[in-house]
C-alpha atoms as a PDB file:
ATOM      1  CA  MET A   1       0.000   0.000   0.000  1.00  0.00           C
ATOM      2  CA  LYS A   2       1.552   3.290  -1.128  1.00  0.00           C
ATOM      3  CA  LEU A   3       0.066   5.369   1.675  1.00  0.00           C
ATOM      4  CA  ASP A   4       1.462   3.071   4.343  1.00  0.00           C
ATOM      5  CA  GLN A   5       4.928   3.274   2.761  1.00  0.00           C
ATOM      6  CA  LYS A   6       4.781   7.073   2.612  1.00  0.00           C
ATOM      7  CA  LEU A   7       3.614   7.263   6.233  1.00  0.00           C
ATOM      8  CA  ALA A   8       6.437   4.911   7.279  1.00  0.00           C
ATOM      9  CA  GLU A   9       9.016   7.067   5.476  1.00  0.00           C
ATOM     10  CA  ASP A  10       7.689  10.253   7.057  1.00  0.00           C
ATOM     11  CA  GLU A  11       7.518   8.571  10.441  1.00  0.00           C
ATOM     12  CA  ALA A  12      11.190   7.579  10.143  1.00  0.00           C
ATOM     13  CA  LYS A  13      12.193  11.166   9.259  1.00  0.00           C
ATOM     14  CA  ILE A  14      10.275  12.568  12.213  1.00  0.00           C
ATOM     15  CA  ALA A  15      11.693   9.916  14.542  1.00  0.00           C
ATOM     16  CA  ALA A  16      15.199  10.956  13.444  1.00  0.00           C
ATOM     17  CA  SER A  17      14.378  14.621  14.101  1.00  0.00           C
ATOM     18  CA  PHE A  18      12.907  13.665  17.479  1.00  0.00           C
ATOM     19  CA  ALA A  19      16.100  11.821  18.462  1.00  0.00           C
ATOM     20  CA  GLU A  20      18.273  14.716  17.258  1.00  0.00           C
ATOM     21  CA  ILE A  21      16.320  17.321  19.248  1.00  0.00           C
ATOM     22  CA  LYS A  22      16.245  15.044  22.295  1.00  0.00           C
ATOM     23  CA  ASN A  23      20.036  14.752  22.205  1.00  0.00           C
ATOM     24  CA  LEU A  24      20.322  18.515  21.761  1.00  0.00           C
ATOM     25  CA  GLN A  25      18.118  19.010  24.832  1.00  0.00           C
ATOM     26  CA  LYS A  26      20.675  17.128  26.929  1.00  0.00           C
ATOM     27  CA  THR A  27      23.400  19.673  26.206  1.00  0.00           C
ATOM     28  CA  ALA A  28      21.419  22.874  25.564  1.00  0.00           C
ATOM     29  CA  TYR A  29      18.000  22.842  27.230  1.00  0.00           C
ATOM     30  CA  SER A  30      15.286  24.935  25.597  1.00  0.00           C
ATOM     31  CA  GLU A  31      11.598  25.363  26.435  1.00  0.00           C
ATOM     32  CA  GLU A  32      10.839  25.656  22.719  1.00  0.00           C
ATOM     33  CA  ASN A  33      12.493  22.301  22.080  1.00  0.00           C
ATOM     34  CA  LYS A  34      10.494  20.806  24.945  1.00  0.00           C
ATOM     35  CA  GLY A  35       7.270  21.827  23.187  1.00  0.00           C
ATOM     36  CA  THR A  36       8.568  20.588  19.857  1.00  0.00           C
ATOM     37  CA  LEU A  37       9.440  17.212  21.376  1.00  0.00           C
ATOM     38  CA  ALA A  38       5.958  16.894  22.838  1.00  0.00           C
ATOM     39  CA  TRP A  39       4.384  17.712  19.475  1.00  0.00           C
ATOM     40  CA  LEU A  40       6.629  15.272  17.591  1.00  0.00           C
ATOM     41  CA  ASP A  41       5.953  12.510  20.129  1.00  0.00           C
ATOM     42  CA  ASN A  42       2.203  13.068  19.770  1.00  0.00           C
ATOM     43  CA  PHE A  43       2.519  13.002  15.977  1.00  0.00           C
ATOM     44  CA  LEU A  44       4.510   9.762  16.038  1.00  0.00           C
ATOM     45  CA  ARG A  45       1.961   8.049  18.282  1.00  0.00           C
ATOM     46  CA  ARG A  46      -0.979   9.152  16.138  1.00  0.00           C
ATOM     47  CA  THR A  47       0.745   8.244  12.880  1.00  0.00           C
ATOM     48  CA  GLY A  48       1.511   4.800  14.262  1.00  0.00           C
ATOM     49  CA  GLY A  49      -2.148   4.431  15.205  1.00  0.00           C
ATOM     50  CA  LEU A  50      -3.240   5.519  11.749  1.00  0.00           C
ATOM     51  CA  ARG A  51      -0.928   3.007  10.093  1.00  0.00           C
ATOM     52  CA  ALA A  52      -2.245   0.245  12.368  1.00  0.00           C
ATOM     53  CA  GLN A  53      -5.836   1.148  11.455  1.00  0.00           C
ATOM     54  CA  LEU A  54      -5.002   1.184   7.752  1.00  0.00           C
ATOM     55  CA  LEU A  55      -3.419  -2.249   7.983  1.00  0.00           C
ATOM     56  CA  ALA A  56      -6.418  -3.555   9.914  1.00  0.00           C
ATOM     57  CA  LEU A  57      -8.815  -2.203   7.292  1.00  0.00           C
ATOM     58  CA  LYS A  58      -6.729  -3.653   4.495  1.00  0.00           C
ATOM     59  CA  GLY A  59      -6.762  -7.050   6.190  1.00  0.00           C
ATOM     60  CA  LYS A  60     -10.549  -7.131   6.455  1.00  0.00           C
ATOM     61  CA  GLY A  61     -11.020  -7.454   2.725  1.00  0.00           C
ATOM     62  CA  ASN A  62     -14.524  -6.025   2.990  1.00  0.00           C
ATOM     63  CA  GLN A  63     -15.563  -5.039  -0.530  1.00  0.00           C
ATOM     64  CA  ASP A  64     -18.764  -3.323   0.646  1.00  0.00           C
ATOM     65  CA  ASP A  65     -16.977  -0.328   2.113  1.00  0.00           C
ATOM     66  CA  ASP A  66     -15.650   2.383  -0.117  1.00  0.00           C
ATOM     67  CA  PHE A  67     -11.918   3.083   0.180  1.00  0.00           C
ATOM     68  CA  VAL A  68     -12.539   6.731   1.052  1.00  0.00           C
ATOM     69  CA  LYS A  69     -14.857   5.734   3.908  1.00  0.00           C
ATOM     70  CA  GLN A  70     -12.192   3.371   5.220  1.00  0.00           C
ATOM     71  CA  MET A  71      -9.559   6.111   5.072  1.00  0.00           C
ATOM     72  CA  LEU A  72     -11.770   8.585   6.903  1.00  0.00           C
ATOM     73  CA  ARG A  73     -12.637   6.022   9.551  1.00  0.00           C
ATOM     74  CA  ALA A  74      -8.963   5.136  10.066  1.00  0.00           C
ATOM     75  CA  ALA A  75      -7.954   8.799  10.313  1.00  0.00           C
ATOM     76  CA  SER A  76     -10.757   9.622  12.721  1.00  0.00           C
ATOM     77  CA  VAL A  77      -9.799   6.763  15.030  1.00  0.00           C
ATOM     78  CA  ALA A  78      -6.122   7.662  14.910  1.00  0.00           C
ATOM     79  CA  PHE A  79      -6.680  11.359  15.540  1.00  0.00           C
ATOM     80  CA  GLY A  80      -9.414  11.099  18.163  1.00  0.00           C
ATOM     81  CA  GLY A  81     -12.460  11.827  16.032  1.00  0.00           C
ATOM     82  CA  SER A  82     -14.310   8.706  17.084  1.00  0.00           C
ATOM     83  CA  ARG A  83     -15.372   9.947  20.518  1.00  0.00           C
ATOM     84  CA  ASN A  84     -19.047   9.402  21.287  1.00  0.00           C
ATOM     85  CA  SER A  85     -19.227  12.273  23.760  1.00  0.00           C
ATOM     86  CA  ASP A  86     -17.614  15.626  24.336  1.00  0.00           C
ATOM     87  CA  TYR A  87     -16.038  14.532  27.636  1.00  0.00           C
ATOM     88  CA  PRO A  88     -14.008  16.212  29.033  1.00  0.00           C
ATOM     89  CA  LYS A  89     -16.074  19.257  28.273  1.00  0.00           C
ATOM     90  CA  VAL A  90     -14.586  22.626  29.007  1.00  0.00           C
ATOM     91  CA  GLY A  91     -16.664  25.066  30.953  1.00  0.00           C
ATOM     92  CA  ILE A  92     -18.765  25.294  34.055  1.00  0.00           C
ATOM     93  CA  SER A  93     -20.149  22.034  35.348  1.00  0.00           C
ATOM     94  CA  PRO A  94     -23.920  21.953  35.868  1.00  0.00           C
ATOM     95  CA  TYR A  95     -23.194  20.372  39.251  1.00  0.00           C
ATOM     96  CA  SER A  96     -20.951  23.142  40.547  1.00  0.00           C
ATOM     97  CA  GLU A  97     -22.175  25.683  43.030  1.00  0.00           C
ATOM     98  CA  THR A  98     -22.880  29.176  41.788  1.00  0.00           C
ATOM     99  CA  PRO A  99     -21.235  32.001  43.753  1.00  0.00           C
END
């Protein structure tokens, strides 16, 4: 699958950048690099999840589903779009006391 190969290549490049910045952090600490490392780590985890979902969908062999639907479903699962609720919701809780 071409998409899986491209994702794997990009994942390897980002993993190399992650390792390089992590080593740089050991000698020259930077708050900006700390944020970058967190973002890259999050990206790597989500990309890995997306690739796993794509491989799972490919293995099903279900001809009823359209490829685009499968891609959207895999991306939504990998990037958190499959939540059934809005928990944790930001804002005032209906159970909190009013001042």
